[in-house]
Protein backbone atom coordinates (compact mmCIF):
# COMPACT_ATOMS: atom_id res chain seq x y z
CA MET A 1 -1.94 0.00 5.24
CA VAL A 2 1.64 -1.20 5.51
CA GLY A 3 3.31 1.12 3.00
CA TYR A 4 4.60 -1.60 0.72
CA THR A 5 5.10 0.89 -2.08
CA THR A 6 7.92 3.09 -3.31
CA LYS A 7 7.55 6.76 -2.50
CA TRP A 8 7.82 8.68 -5.79
CA GLY A 9 7.89 5.33 -7.60
CA ASP A 10 4.80 3.14 -7.91
CA SER A 11 3.01 5.47 -5.47
CA ALA A 12 3.41 8.52 -7.74
CA TYR A 13 0.09 9.22 -9.45
CA ASP A 14 -2.45 11.96 -10.05
CA PHE A 15 -5.42 9.67 -9.49
CA ASN A 16 -5.60 6.29 -7.76
CA PRO A 17 -8.92 4.53 -8.38
CA ILE A 18 -8.00 1.41 -6.36
CA SER A 19 -6.35 2.91 -3.28
CA ASN A 20 -9.14 1.95 -0.90
CA PHE A 21 -9.50 -1.63 -2.11
CA THR A 22 -7.82 -4.62 -0.52
CA VAL A 23 -5.66 -6.94 -2.61
CA SER A 24 -8.50 -9.50 -2.75
CA GLU A 25 -10.91 -6.85 -4.00
CA VAL A 26 -8.44 -5.70 -6.68
CA LEU A 27 -8.03 -9.30 -7.82
CA LEU A 28 -11.83 -9.72 -8.02
CA ILE A 29 -12.03 -6.56 -10.12
CA GLY A 30 -9.28 -7.96 -12.34
CA GLU A 31 -11.18 -11.21 -12.78
CA TYR A 32 -14.35 -9.29 -13.63
CA LEU A 33 -12.45 -7.25 -16.22
CA GLY A 34 -10.92 -10.39 -17.75
CA VAL A 35 -7.32 -9.93 -16.65
CA PRO A 36 -5.47 -13.16 -17.54
CA ASP A 37 -5.06 -15.74 -14.76
CA LYS A 38 -1.26 -15.73 -15.16
CA ILE A 39 -1.34 -12.13 -13.89
CA ILE A 40 -4.02 -12.54 -11.23
CA LYS A 41 -2.55 -15.72 -9.76
CA LYS A 42 1.09 -14.56 -9.84
CA ALA A 43 2.53 -14.03 -6.36
CA PRO A 44 3.13 -10.29 -5.92
CA ASN A 45 6.78 -9.29 -5.78
CA ASP A 46 8.81 -6.17 -6.39
CA GLY A 47 11.23 -7.94 -8.70
CA LEU A 48 14.15 -7.32 -6.34
CA GLY A 49 15.79 -10.15 -4.44
CA GLY A 50 13.67 -13.09 -5.58
CA GLN A 51 11.19 -13.02 -2.68
CA THR A 52 7.46 -12.38 -2.77
CA ASP A 53 5.98 -9.31 -1.10
CA GLU A 54 4.63 -11.50 1.70
CA GLU A 55 8.01 -13.11 2.33
CA LYS A 56 9.68 -9.72 2.54
CA MET A 57 7.01 -8.19 4.77
CA GLY A 58 6.71 -11.19 7.06
CA VAL A 59 2.91 -11.18 6.87
CA THR A 60 0.36 -12.26 4.29
CA TYR A 61 -2.05 -10.02 2.43
CA LYS A 62 -4.84 -12.10 3.96
CA GLN A 63 -3.59 -11.18 7.46
CA ILE A 64 -3.36 -7.51 6.47
CA GLU A 65 -6.91 -7.59 5.10
CA GLU A 66 -8.18 -9.28 8.25
CA TYR A 67 -6.51 -6.54 10.30
CA ILE A 68 -8.04 -3.81 8.10
CA GLU A 69 -11.52 -5.34 8.35
CA THR A 70 -11.56 -6.37 12.03
CA GLY A 71 -8.69 -4.56 13.74
CA LYS A 72 -7.00 -7.84 14.57
CA THR A 73 -5.37 -10.93 13.08
CA ASN A 74 -3.13 -13.66 14.47
CA SER A 75 -0.89 -12.66 17.36
CA GLU A 76 2.36 -12.97 15.37
CA ALA A 77 1.19 -10.84 12.43
CA MET A 78 -0.44 -8.00 14.42
CA PRO A 79 2.78 -6.39 15.73
CA VAL A 80 4.39 -6.68 12.28
CA ILE A 81 1.43 -4.98 10.59
CA GLU A 82 1.30 -2.26 13.26
CA ARG A 83 5.05 -1.63 12.95
CA LEU A 84 4.88 -1.46 9.14
CA ASN A 85 1.89 0.86 9.34
CA LYS A 86 3.62 3.21 11.75
CA SER A 87 6.96 3.25 9.93
CA SER A 88 5.31 3.95 6.56
CA MET A 89 2.98 6.73 7.73
CA HIS A 90 5.07 9.31 5.84
CA LYS A 91 4.10 7.60 2.58
CA ARG A 92 0.40 8.29 3.18
CA LYS A 93 0.69 11.97 4.06
CA SER A 94 0.42 14.89 1.69
CA ILE A 95 3.60 16.57 0.57
CA PRO A 96 4.58 19.24 3.11
CA THR A 97 4.67 22.70 1.61
CA TYR A 98 6.02 26.01 2.79
CA THR A 99 3.43 28.72 3.20
CA PHE A 100 4.03 32.37 3.87
CA GLU A 101 2.10 35.57 4.17
CA ARG A 102 2.37 37.75 1.11
CA THR A 103 3.51 41.27 1.85
CA ASN A 104 3.77 44.49 -0.09
CA TYR A 105 7.28 43.74 -1.31
CA LEU A 106 5.88 41.08 -3.65
CA LYS A 107 3.52 43.52 -5.43
């Protein structure tokens, strides 16, 4: 939703089975699968700069989920989420490719 991922980094995959789940849903799946609490309860961060994801983004995952589910959240978080969504759109699009019409010279 907000593009908090690294293009060609953690967003590089052939198959993404959790892409349409919210953070809360992923954590519930983790609990169901027996992922240790120290992993599930750890505040998400990218390991750069000592801040959590939420601190860096300026919104909480709960606010993002509320926006995804209802189209709104608190008045301070909404413009941040909408800005992040718009500025990260390129991360959610397919790779552009060049197409051309084959002609006789290629035969």
